[in-house]
Amino acid sequence: MINLKIGGIIVAAFIAGTFIASPELRAYAANTVFSSDIVDGEVKSVDIGDGEVTSQDLASSAVTNSKIATDAISTSKIAPGAVTNSDIGGSAVTTGKIKDGQVMAADIAPDAVSNSKLASNSVTLSKIAPNSINTTQILDGAVTPAKLVPNGRITYTDYVGYVFTPTPTYHVATGVAYPIEAGLWKKVRFFIWQGGASADNKITLELWAGSIGLTTNPNNSAYFQTTNVGVDPSTSDAFTMLASIKIKKVNEYLLSPWITIPSTANILSLNIIGDGVATFQPQEQGYELTQESFPEGWR
């Protein structure tokens, strides 16, 4: 019989021998587990500590498109200047991707805006900066006499020989009704030469501006004419009186001050009103129009 003490020694020795012989039970020394010791695919996410995979652990081109979750790359992940032209696909940047007002002059390449990019009649007077059109921008032969407006002004003169008998209530047109382009002209002044005879301060000249329907002239489609000739502007809601100036008996030449034109007006009308007895006989009359807001420094 083996006594109890000897039996205990034998059991302890058996257990120790088993531990030493079994690779599953013995402890691993530092740096003794290699890739060849690990079964492929057996390193799971739970085996990797948070933040333990760094840039140097990733092989070149290891992170492919399929590895990146949708919306996973935010602005903070992209280095300044990292997205270059070659990184952007053709037609990838659409209007919806550009914030309103963010395309500045510096963003537009020289000669990028060609004629085909501009809508018809989109370049208006207000879009052209002062002194921005140089000789090189003007096509040879493009500036004809009809295109020239001295200092942004134009003068319309009407030579008449009519005798008017005005009345205190009816505004008689002097024959100078002039269609204009709405919004183009800023100021107007009218003039009359040889006003004829009248009692002092009994004849009044009135300048009216209207916004009415115009039709093309049947003899020249480049010109417009009013569709309601002879209408008393004082009885029409389409007209606004801009000025009222009394003239005296002897008045060889009258030149009115500059008067602001409403932006919606497309016709000007010069009318007279008087005492019903005196006659008024202008020989030359008309308008001077300017695109300036403060012509000749007048305020």
C-alpha atoms as a PDB file:
ATOM      1  CA  MET A   1       0.000   0.000   0.000  1.00  0.00           C
ATOM      2  CA  ILE A   2       1.146   3.503  -0.899  1.00  0.00           C
ATOM      3  CA  ASN A   3       0.640   5.739   1.995  1.00  0.00           C
ATOM      4  CA  LEU A   4      -1.307   8.956   1.675  1.00  0.00           C
ATOM      5  CA  LYS A   5       1.804  11.143   1.630  1.00  0.00           C
ATOM      6  CA  ILE A   6       3.450   9.292  -1.225  1.00  0.00           C
ATOM      7  CA  GLY A   7       0.149   9.388  -3.212  1.00  0.00           C
ATOM      8  CA  GLY A   8      -0.075  13.146  -2.873  1.00  0.00           C
ATOM      9  CA  ILE A   9       3.455  13.561  -4.195  1.00  0.00           C
ATOM     10  CA  ILE A  10       2.672  11.397  -7.224  1.00  0.00           C
ATOM     11  CA  VAL A  11      -0.530  13.372  -8.092  1.00  0.00           C
ATOM     12  CA  ALA A  12       1.295  16.695  -7.791  1.00  0.00           C
ATOM     13  CA  ALA A  13       4.113  15.482 -10.023  1.00  0.00           C
ATOM     14  CA  PHE A  14       1.584  14.284 -12.646  1.00  0.00           C
ATOM     15  CA  ILE A  15      -0.182  17.618 -12.763  1.00  0.00           C
ATOM     16  CA  ALA A  16       3.101  19.533 -13.060  1.00  0.00           C
ATOM     17  CA  GLY A  17       4.301  17.299 -15.865  1.00  0.00           C
ATOM     18  CA  THR A  18       1.068  17.721 -17.769  1.00  0.00           C
ATOM     19  CA  PHE A  19       1.284  21.536 -17.563  1.00  0.00           C
ATOM     20  CA  ILE A  20       4.853  21.596 -18.780  1.00  0.00           C
ATOM     21  CA  ALA A  21       4.164  19.209 -21.666  1.00  0.00           C
ATOM     22  CA  SER A  22       0.923  20.868 -22.930  1.00  0.00           C
ATOM     23  CA  PRO A  23       1.327  24.007 -25.221  1.00  0.00           C
ATOM     24  CA  GLU A  24      -2.225  25.073 -24.280  1.00  0.00           C
ATOM     25  CA  LEU A  25      -1.297  25.302 -20.597  1.00  0.00           C
ATOM     26  CA  ARG A  26       2.250  26.666 -20.478  1.00  0.00           C
ATOM     27  CA  ALA A  27       2.755  30.475 -20.339  1.00  0.00           C
ATOM     28  CA  TYR A  28       4.100  32.379 -23.416  1.00  0.00           C
ATOM     29  CA  ALA A  29       7.209  34.484 -23.036  1.00  0.00           C
ATOM     30  CA  ALA A  30       7.367  37.988 -24.574  1.00  0.00           C
ATOM     31  CA  ASN A  31       7.681  38.107 -28.402  1.00  0.00           C
ATOM     32  CA  THR A  32       7.255  34.333 -28.735  1.00  0.00           C
ATOM     33  CA  VAL A  33       3.873  34.388 -30.636  1.00  0.00           C
ATOM     34  CA  PHE A  34       4.379  34.931 -34.371  1.00  0.00           C
ATOM     35  CA  SER A  35       1.979  35.281 -37.324  1.00  0.00           C
ATOM     36  CA  SER A  36       2.590  31.638 -38.213  1.00  0.00           C
ATOM     37  CA  ASP A  37       1.319  30.635 -34.756  1.00  0.00           C
ATOM     38  CA  ILE A  38      -2.074  32.371 -35.368  1.00  0.00           C
ATOM     39  CA  VAL A  39      -4.744  30.648 -37.407  1.00  0.00           C
ATOM     40  CA  ASP A  40      -5.784  32.899 -40.332  1.00  0.00           C
ATOM     41  CA  GLY A  41      -8.825  35.027 -39.533  1.00  0.00           C
ATOM     42  CA  GLU A  42      -8.755  34.271 -35.816  1.00  0.00           C
ATOM     43  CA  VAL A  43      -7.806  37.808 -34.635  1.00  0.00           C
ATOM     44  CA  LYS A  44     -11.223  39.367 -34.057  1.00  0.00           C
ATOM     45  CA  SER A  45     -12.298  42.941 -33.270  1.00  0.00           C
ATOM     46  CA  VAL A  46     -12.627  42.086 -29.555  1.00  0.00           C
ATOM     47  CA  ASP A  47      -8.966  40.959 -29.530  1.00  0.00           C
ATOM     48  CA  ILE A  48      -7.774  44.466 -30.611  1.00  0.00           C
ATOM     49  CA  GLY A  49      -7.695  47.267 -28.028  1.00  0.00           C
ATOM     50  CA  ASP A  50      -9.261  50.666 -28.791  1.00  0.00           C
ATOM     51  CA  GLY A  51      -6.834  52.940 -30.613  1.00  0.00           C
ATOM     52  CA  GLU A  52      -4.250  50.220 -31.053  1.00  0.00           C
ATOM     53  CA  VAL A  53      -4.312  50.214 -34.879  1.00  0.00           C
ATOM     54  CA  THR A  54      -2.244  53.200 -36.097  1.00  0.00           C
ATOM     55  CA  SER A  55      -1.259  54.468 -39.552  1.00  0.00           C
ATOM     56  CA  GLN A  56       1.948  52.400 -39.565  1.00  0.00           C
ATOM     57  CA  ASP A  57      -0.101  49.219 -39.011  1.00  0.00           C
ATOM     58  CA  LEU A  58      -1.986  49.773 -42.294  1.00  0.00           C
ATOM     59  CA  ALA A  59      -0.497  48.559 -45.550  1.00  0.00           C
ATOM     60  CA  SER A  60      -0.405  50.893 -48.551  1.00  0.00           C
ATOM     61  CA  SER A  61      -3.811  51.120 -50.279  1.00  0.00           C
ATOM     62  CA  ALA A  62      -5.274  48.868 -47.588  1.00  0.00           C
ATOM     63  CA  VAL A  63      -8.258  51.182 -46.930  1.00  0.00           C
ATOM     64  CA  THR A  64     -10.416  50.864 -50.051  1.00  0.00           C
ATOM     65  CA  ASN A  65     -13.787  52.443 -50.875  1.00  0.00           C
ATOM     66  CA  SER A  66     -15.693  49.429 -49.560  1.00  0.00           C
ATOM     67  CA  LYS A  67     -13.981  49.789 -46.147  1.00  0.00           C
ATOM     68  CA  ILE A  68     -15.302  53.352 -45.617  1.00  0.00           C
ATOM     69  CA  ALA A  69     -18.846  53.721 -44.313  1.00  0.00           C
ATOM     70  CA  THR A  70     -21.250  56.201 -45.897  1.00  0.00           C
ATOM     71  CA  ASP A  71     -20.759  59.752 -44.500  1.00  0.00           C
ATOM     72  CA  ALA A  72     -17.808  58.483 -42.419  1.00  0.00           C
ATOM     73  CA  ILE A  73     -15.373  61.129 -43.771  1.00  0.00           C
ATOM     74  CA  SER A  74     -16.299  64.543 -42.385  1.00  0.00           C
ATOM     75  CA  THR A  75     -14.692  67.932 -43.092  1.00  0.00           C
ATOM     76  CA  SER A  76     -12.381  67.573 -40.089  1.00  0.00           C
ATOM     77  CA  LYS A  77     -10.902  64.407 -41.609  1.00  0.00           C
ATOM     78  CA  ILE A  78      -9.717  66.183 -44.774  1.00  0.00           C
ATOM     79  CA  ALA A  79      -6.482  68.168 -44.626  1.00  0.00           C
ATOM     80  CA  PRO A  80      -6.482  71.716 -46.084  1.00  0.00           C
ATOM     81  CA  GLY A  81      -5.751  71.561 -49.808  1.00  0.00           C
ATOM     82  CA  ALA A  82      -6.015  67.777 -49.863  1.00  0.00           C
ATOM     83  CA  VAL A  83      -8.887  67.687 -52.379  1.00  0.00           C
ATOM     84  CA  THR A  84      -7.406  68.727 -55.724  1.00  0.00           C
ATOM     85  CA  ASN A  85      -8.912  68.975 -59.193  1.00  0.00           C
ATOM     86  CA  SER A  86      -7.948  65.381 -60.003  1.00  0.00           C
ATOM     87  CA  ASP A  87      -9.937  64.139 -56.983  1.00  0.00           C
ATOM     88  CA  ILE A  88     -13.211  65.606 -58.294  1.00  0.00           C
ATOM     89  CA  GLY A  89     -15.135  63.600 -60.865  1.00  0.00           C
ATOM     90  CA  GLY A  90     -16.393  65.135 -64.080  1.00  0.00           C
ATOM     91  CA  SER A  91     -19.607  67.168 -63.538  1.00  0.00           C
ATOM     92  CA  ALA A  92     -19.466  66.281 -59.831  1.00  0.00           C
ATOM     93  CA  VAL A  93     -19.835  69.863 -58.565  1.00  0.00           C
ATOM     94  CA  THR A  94     -23.386  70.862 -59.472  1.00  0.00           C
ATOM     95  CA  THR A  95     -25.275  74.085 -58.709  1.00  0.00           C
ATOM     96  CA  GLY A  96     -26.785  72.495 -55.615  1.00  0.00           C
ATOM     97  CA  LYS A  97     -23.293  71.908 -54.194  1.00  0.00           C
ATOM     98  CA  ILE A  98     -22.297  75.592 -54.442  1.00  0.00           C
ATOM     99  CA  LYS A  99     -23.535  77.991 -51.774  1.00  0.00           C
ATOM    100  CA  ASP A 100     -25.247  81.055 -53.252  1.00  0.00           C
ATOM    101  CA  GLY A 101     -22.895  83.967 -53.817  1.00  0.00           C
ATOM    102  CA  GLN A 102     -19.713  81.942 -53.263  1.00  0.00           C
ATOM    103  CA  VAL A 103     -18.337  82.042 -56.826  1.00  0.00           C
ATOM    104  CA  MET A 104     -16.134  85.139 -56.742  1.00  0.00           C
ATOM    105  CA  ALA A 105     -14.103  86.868 -59.450  1.00  0.00           C
ATOM    106  CA  ALA A 106     -10.964  85.103 -58.202  1.00  0.00           C
ATOM    107  CA  ASP A 107     -12.662  81.725 -58.730  1.00  0.00           C
ATOM    108  CA  ILE A 108     -13.291  82.326 -62.434  1.00  0.00           C
ATOM    109  CA  ALA A 109     -10.397  81.519 -64.745  1.00  0.00           C
ATOM    110  CA  PRO A 110      -9.399  84.037 -67.439  1.00  0.00           C
ATOM    111  CA  ASP A 111     -11.605  83.722 -70.538  1.00  0.00           C
ATOM    112  CA  ALA A 112     -13.825  81.181 -68.738  1.00  0.00           C
ATOM    113  CA  VAL A 113     -17.028  83.164 -69.386  1.00  0.00           C
ATOM    114  CA  SER A 114     -17.441  83.007 -73.152  1.00  0.00           C
ATOM    115  CA  ASN A 115     -20.214  84.410 -75.313  1.00  0.00           C
ATOM    116  CA  SER A 116     -22.113  81.105 -75.200  1.00  0.00           C
ATOM    117  CA  LYS A 117     -22.279  81.295 -71.376  1.00  0.00           C
ATOM    118  CA  LEU A 118     -24.189  84.606 -71.371  1.00  0.00           C
ATOM    119  CA  ALA A 119     -27.967  84.735 -71.756  1.00  0.00           C
ATOM    120  CA  SER A 120     -29.320  87.174 -74.334  1.00  0.00           C
ATOM    121  CA  ASN A 121     -29.663  90.743 -73.006  1.00  0.00           C
ATOM    122  CA  SER A 122     -28.153  89.715 -69.659  1.00  0.00           C
ATOM    123  CA  VAL A 123     -25.341  92.307 -69.745  1.00  0.00           C
ATOM    124  CA  THR A 124     -27.175  95.532 -68.924  1.00  0.00           C
ATOM    125  CA  LEU A 125     -25.857  99.025 -68.222  1.00  0.00           C
ATOM    126  CA  SER A 126     -25.730  98.437 -64.460  1.00  0.00           C
ATOM    127  CA  LYS A 127     -23.546  95.319 -64.925  1.00  0.00           C
ATOM    128  CA  ILE A 128     -20.713  97.241 -66.610  1.00  0.00           C
ATOM    129  CA  ALA A 129     -18.297  98.984 -64.237  1.00  0.00           C
ATOM    130  CA  PRO A 130     -16.969 102.471 -65.090  1.00  0.00           C
ATOM    131  CA  ASN A 131     -13.914 102.435 -67.359  1.00  0.00           C
ATOM    132  CA  SER A 132     -14.164  98.665 -67.795  1.00  0.00           C
ATOM    133  CA  ILE A 133     -14.472  98.574 -71.600  1.00  0.00           C
ATOM    134  CA  ASN A 134     -11.124  99.080 -73.309  1.00  0.00           C
ATOM    135  CA  THR A 135     -10.258  99.291 -76.995  1.00  0.00           C
ATOM    136  CA  THR A 136      -9.344  95.611 -77.101  1.00  0.00           C
ATOM    137  CA  GLN A 137     -12.859  94.641 -75.961  1.00  0.00           C
ATOM    138  CA  ILE A 138     -14.609  96.426 -78.846  1.00  0.00           C
ATOM    139  CA  LEU A 139     -15.031  94.571 -82.129  1.00  0.00           C
ATOM    140  CA  ASP A 140     -13.739  96.482 -85.147  1.00  0.00           C
ATOM    141  CA  GLY A 141     -16.563  98.431 -86.764  1.00  0.00           C
ATOM    142  CA  ALA A 142     -18.964  97.756 -83.877  1.00  0.00           C
ATOM    143  CA  VAL A 143     -19.307 101.417 -82.835  1.00  0.00           C
ATOM    144  CA  THR A 144     -21.465 103.125 -85.427  1.00  0.00           C
ATOM    145  CA  PRO A 145     -22.776 106.723 -85.269  1.00  0.00           C
ATOM    146  CA  ALA A 146     -26.136 105.404 -84.053  1.00  0.00           C
ATOM    147  CA  LYS A 147     -24.404 103.812 -81.026  1.00  0.00           C
ATOM    148  CA  LEU A 148     -22.804 107.029 -79.823  1.00  0.00           C
ATOM    149  CA  VAL A 149     -24.435 109.006 -76.990  1.00  0.00           C
ATOM    150  CA  PRO A 150     -22.158 111.905 -75.953  1.00  0.00           C
ATOM    151  CA  ASN A 151     -21.419 111.638 -72.223  1.00  0.00           C
ATOM    152  CA  GLY A 152     -24.328 109.252 -71.809  1.00  0.00           C
ATOM    153  CA  ARG A 153     -26.755 111.868 -73.118  1.00  0.00           C
ATOM    154  CA  ILE A 154     -29.071 112.316 -76.034  1.00  0.00           C
ATOM    155  CA  THR A 155     -30.980 115.360 -77.273  1.00  0.00           C
ATOM    156  CA  TYR A 156     -34.288 115.272 -79.084  1.00  0.00           C
ATOM    157  CA  THR A 157     -35.349 118.437 -80.909  1.00  0.00           C
ATOM    158  CA  ASP A 158     -38.660 119.102 -82.606  1.00  0.00           C
ATOM    159  CA  TYR A 159     -39.077 122.043 -84.978  1.00  0.00           C
ATOM    160  CA  VAL A 160     -42.638 123.298 -84.907  1.00  0.00           C
ATOM    161  CA  GLY A 161     -44.594 126.290 -86.145  1.00  0.00           C
ATOM    162  CA  TYR A 162     -47.928 125.654 -84.483  1.00  0.00           C
ATOM    163  CA  VAL A 163     -49.995 128.225 -82.640  1.00  0.00           C
ATOM    164  CA  PHE A 164     -51.696 126.836 -79.545  1.00  0.00           C
ATOM    165  CA  THR A 165     -54.617 128.388 -77.754  1.00  0.00           C
ATOM    166  CA  PRO A 166     -54.434 126.862 -74.285  1.00  0.00           C
ATOM    167  CA  THR A 167     -57.289 126.847 -71.794  1.00  0.00           C
ATOM    168  CA  PRO A 168     -57.201 126.880 -67.996  1.00  0.00           C
ATOM    169  CA  THR A 169     -58.475 123.293 -67.825  1.00  0.00           C
ATOM    170  CA  TYR A 170     -57.158 121.381 -70.830  1.00  0.00           C
ATOM    171  CA  HIS A 171     -53.524 120.312 -71.084  1.00  0.00           C
ATOM    172  CA  VAL A 172     -52.569 120.795 -74.726  1.00  0.00           C
ATOM    173  CA  ALA A 173     -49.691 118.690 -76.065  1.00  0.00           C
ATOM    174  CA  THR A 174     -47.034 120.859 -77.705  1.00  0.00           C
ATOM    175  CA  GLY A 175     -46.182 118.117 -80.165  1.00  0.00           C
ATOM    176  CA  VAL A 176     -43.203 116.791 -78.219  1.00  0.00           C
ATOM    177  CA  ALA A 177     -44.135 113.329 -76.985  1.00  0.00           C
ATOM    178  CA  TYR A 178     -41.024 111.203 -76.803  1.00  0.00           C
ATOM    179  CA  PRO A 179     -40.944 107.430 -76.127  1.00  0.00           C
ATOM    180  CA  ILE A 180     -37.970 106.371 -73.996  1.00  0.00           C
ATOM    181  CA  GLU A 181     -36.538 103.103 -72.699  1.00  0.00           C
ATOM    182  CA  ALA A 182     -37.841 102.570 -69.180  1.00  0.00           C
ATOM    183  CA  GLY A 183     -35.086 102.589 -66.556  1.00  0.00           C
ATOM    184  CA  LEU A 184     -32.334 103.748 -68.936  1.00  0.00           C
ATOM    185  CA  TRP A 185     -32.441 107.523 -68.440  1.00  0.00           C
ATOM    186  CA  LYS A 186     -31.947 109.120 -65.017  1.00  0.00           C
ATOM    187  CA  LYS A 187     -32.607 112.842 -65.693  1.00  0.00           C
ATOM    188  CA  VAL A 188     -34.363 115.006 -68.274  1.00  0.00           C
ATOM    189  CA  ARG A 189     -34.649 118.703 -68.981  1.00  0.00           C
ATOM    190  CA  PHE A 190     -36.777 120.330 -71.651  1.00  0.00           C
ATOM    191  CA  PHE A 191     -36.183 123.456 -73.702  1.00  0.00           C
ATOM    192  CA  ILE A 192     -38.300 125.828 -75.791  1.00  0.00           C
ATOM    193  CA  TRP A 193     -37.120 128.609 -78.092  1.00  0.00           C
ATOM    194  CA  GLN A 194     -39.246 131.667 -78.994  1.00  0.00           C
ATOM    195  CA  GLY A 195     -42.210 131.112 -76.761  1.00  0.00           C
ATOM    196  CA  GLY A 196     -44.513 133.621 -78.468  1.00  0.00           C
ATOM    197  CA  ALA A 197     -46.713 136.194 -76.793  1.00  0.00           C
ATOM    198  CA  SER A 198     -48.770 135.740 -73.649  1.00  0.00           C
ATOM    199  CA  ALA A 199     -49.792 137.655 -70.599  1.00  0.00           C
ATOM    200  CA  ASP A 200     -47.263 137.412 -67.776  1.00  0.00           C
ATOM    201  CA  ASN A 201     -47.427 134.155 -65.826  1.00  0.00           C
ATOM    202  CA  LYS A 202     -50.543 132.965 -67.648  1.00  0.00           C
ATOM    203  CA  ILE A 203     -48.926 130.199 -69.665  1.00  0.00           C
ATOM    204  CA  THR A 204     -47.612 127.165 -67.829  1.00  0.00           C
ATOM    205  CA  LEU A 205     -45.473 124.390 -69.297  1.00  0.00           C
ATOM    206  CA  GLU A 206     -45.916 120.968 -67.727  1.00  0.00           C
ATOM    207  CA  LEU A 207     -43.690 117.923 -68.160  1.00  0.00           C
ATOM    208  CA  TRP A 208     -45.421 114.572 -67.723  1.00  0.00           C
ATOM    209  CA  ALA A 209     -44.008 111.043 -67.652  1.00  0.00           C
ATOM    210  CA  GLY A 210     -46.122 108.012 -68.450  1.00  0.00           C
ATOM    211  CA  SER A 211     -45.991 104.244 -68.502  1.00  0.00           C
ATOM    212  CA  ILE A 212     -48.216 103.230 -71.396  1.00  0.00           C
ATOM    213  CA  GLY A 213     -48.495 100.719 -74.210  1.00  0.00           C
ATOM    214  CA  LEU A 214     -46.222 101.425 -77.175  1.00  0.00           C
ATOM    215  CA  THR A 215     -46.276  99.998 -80.680  1.00  0.00           C
ATOM    216  CA  THR A 216     -43.569  99.879 -83.327  1.00  0.00           C
ATOM    217  CA  ASN A 217     -43.630 102.592 -85.940  1.00  0.00           C
ATOM    218  CA  PRO A 218     -45.175 101.203 -89.166  1.00  0.00           C
ATOM    219  CA  ASN A 219     -42.447 102.856 -91.227  1.00  0.00           C
ATOM    220  CA  ASN A 220     -39.490 101.828 -89.064  1.00  0.00           C
ATOM    221  CA  SER A 221     -39.685  98.910 -86.625  1.00  0.00           C
ATOM    222  CA  ALA A 222     -36.649 100.239 -84.707  1.00  0.00           C
ATOM    223  CA  TYR A 223     -38.795 103.080 -83.339  1.00  0.00           C
ATOM    224  CA  PHE A 224     -41.789 103.033 -81.021  1.00  0.00           C
ATOM    225  CA  GLN A 225     -44.808 105.271 -80.885  1.00  0.00           C
ATOM    226  CA  THR A 226     -47.595 105.848 -78.420  1.00  0.00           C
ATOM    227  CA  THR A 227     -50.983 104.237 -78.937  1.00  0.00           C
ATOM    228  CA  ASN A 228     -52.964 107.080 -77.370  1.00  0.00           C
ATOM    229  CA  VAL A 229     -51.978 110.289 -79.136  1.00  0.00           C
ATOM    230  CA  GLY A 230     -53.771 113.392 -77.877  1.00  0.00           C
ATOM    231  CA  VAL A 231     -54.663 112.036 -74.454  1.00  0.00           C
ATOM    232  CA  ASP A 232     -54.743 114.660 -71.700  1.00  0.00           C
ATOM    233  CA  PRO A 233     -52.146 113.318 -69.223  1.00  0.00           C
ATOM    234  CA  SER A 234     -53.835 115.055 -66.305  1.00  0.00           C
ATOM    235  CA  THR A 235     -56.821 112.741 -66.748  1.00  0.00           C
ATOM    236  CA  SER A 236     -54.816 109.513 -66.977  1.00  0.00           C
ATOM    237  CA  ASP A 237     -53.562 107.422 -64.061  1.00  0.00           C
ATOM    238  CA  ALA A 238     -50.721 106.247 -66.324  1.00  0.00           C
ATOM    239  CA  PHE A 239     -49.050 109.688 -66.215  1.00  0.00           C
ATOM    240  CA  THR A 240     -47.255 111.617 -63.473  1.00  0.00           C
ATOM    241  CA  MET A 241     -46.461 115.323 -63.659  1.00  0.00           C
ATOM    242  CA  LEU A 242     -42.729 115.899 -63.175  1.00  0.00           C
ATOM    243  CA  ALA A 243     -42.557 119.692 -63.420  1.00  0.00           C
ATOM    244  CA  SER A 244     -44.728 122.786 -63.829  1.00  0.00           C
ATOM    245  CA  ILE A 245     -43.044 126.016 -64.963  1.00  0.00           C
ATOM    246  CA  LYS A 246     -44.722 129.325 -65.751  1.00  0.00           C
ATOM    247  CA  ILE A 247     -43.336 131.333 -68.665  1.00  0.00           C
ATOM    248  CA  LYS A 248     -43.567 135.057 -69.312  1.00  0.00           C
ATOM    249  CA  LYS A 249     -44.431 137.239 -72.290  1.00  0.00           C
ATOM    250  CA  VAL A 250     -40.922 137.534 -73.662  1.00  0.00           C
ATOM    251  CA  ASN A 251     -39.061 134.293 -73.343  1.00  0.00           C
ATOM    252  CA  GLU A 252     -36.626 133.637 -76.163  1.00  0.00           C
ATOM    253  CA  TYR A 253     -35.174 130.454 -74.728  1.00  0.00           C
ATOM    254  CA  LEU A 254     -36.309 128.406 -71.784  1.00  0.00           C
ATOM    255  CA  LEU A 255     -34.171 125.558 -70.398  1.00  0.00           C
ATOM    256  CA  SER A 256     -35.652 123.756 -67.437  1.00  0.00           C
ATOM    257  CA  PRO A 257     -33.657 122.345 -64.509  1.00  0.00           C
ATOM    258  CA  TRP A 258     -32.717 118.656 -64.542  1.00  0.00           C
ATOM    259  CA  ILE A 259     -35.690 116.540 -63.468  1.00  0.00           C
ATOM    260  CA  THR A 260     -35.640 112.932 -62.225  1.00  0.00           C
ATOM    261  CA  ILE A 261     -37.362 110.415 -64.512  1.00  0.00           C
ATOM    262  CA  PRO A 262     -39.381 107.603 -62.857  1.00  0.00           C
ATOM    263  CA  SER A 263     -37.754 104.247 -63.569  1.00  0.00           C
ATOM    264  CA  THR A 264     -41.003 102.858 -65.015  1.00  0.00           C
ATOM    265  CA  ALA A 265     -41.670 105.751 -67.419  1.00  0.00           C
ATOM    266  CA  ASN A 266     -41.499 104.944 -71.132  1.00  0.00           C
ATOM    267  CA  ILE A 267     -42.803 108.213 -72.564  1.00  0.00           C
ATOM    268  CA  LEU A 268     -42.415 111.943 -71.885  1.00  0.00           C
ATOM    269  CA  SER A 269     -45.013 114.546 -72.797  1.00  0.00           C
ATOM    270  CA  LEU A 270     -44.686 118.353 -72.806  1.00  0.00           C
ATOM    271  CA  ASN A 271     -48.006 120.126 -72.340  1.00  0.00           C
ATOM    272  CA  ILE A 272     -49.288 123.674 -71.846  1.00  0.00           C
ATOM    273  CA  ILE A 273     -52.138 125.170 -69.897  1.00  0.00           C
ATOM    274  CA  GLY A 274     -53.161 128.815 -69.980  1.00  0.00           C
ATOM    275  CA  ASP A 275     -55.834 131.481 -69.701  1.00  0.00           C
ATOM    276  CA  GLY A 276     -57.749 130.534 -72.842  1.00  0.00           C
ATOM    277  CA  VAL A 277     -57.023 133.797 -74.655  1.00  0.00           C
ATOM    278  CA  ALA A 278     -53.294 134.038 -75.207  1.00  0.00           C
ATOM    279  CA  THR A 279     -51.582 132.091 -77.927  1.00  0.00           C
ATOM    280  CA  PHE A 280     -48.382 130.136 -77.636  1.00  0.00           C
ATOM    281  CA  GLN A 281     -46.117 129.523 -80.595  1.00  0.00           C
ATOM    282  CA  PRO A 282     -42.896 127.552 -79.949  1.00  0.00           C
ATOM    283  CA  GLN A 283     -40.467 127.325 -82.865  1.00  0.00           C
ATOM    284  CA  GLU A 284     -38.034 124.748 -81.447  1.00  0.00           C
ATOM    285  CA  GLN A 285     -38.521 122.488 -78.482  1.00  0.00           C
ATOM    286  CA  GLY A 286     -37.344 119.158 -77.164  1.00  0.00           C
ATOM    287  CA  TYR A 287     -35.597 117.197 -74.421  1.00  0.00           C
ATOM    288  CA  GLU A 288     -32.122 116.443 -73.242  1.00  0.00           C
ATOM    289  CA  LEU A 289     -31.798 113.061 -71.536  1.00  0.00           C
ATOM    290  CA  THR A 290     -28.867 111.826 -69.464  1.00  0.00           C
ATOM    291  CA  GLN A 291     -27.889 108.559 -67.813  1.00  0.00           C
ATOM    292  CA  GLU A 292     -26.069 110.458 -65.063  1.00  0.00           C
ATOM    293  CA  SER A 293     -27.610 110.677 -61.593  1.00  0.00           C
ATOM    294  CA  PHE A 294     -26.069 114.117 -60.951  1.00  0.00           C
ATOM    295  CA  PRO A 295     -25.355 115.791 -64.306  1.00  0.00           C
ATOM    296  CA  GLU A 296     -22.909 118.715 -64.248  1.00  0.00           C
ATOM    297  CA  GLY A 297     -22.495 118.357 -60.503  1.00  0.00           C
ATOM    298  CA  TRP A 298     -26.075 119.482 -59.873  1.00  0.00           C
ATOM    299  CA  ARG A 299     -27.518 118.201 -56.594  1.00  0.00           C
END
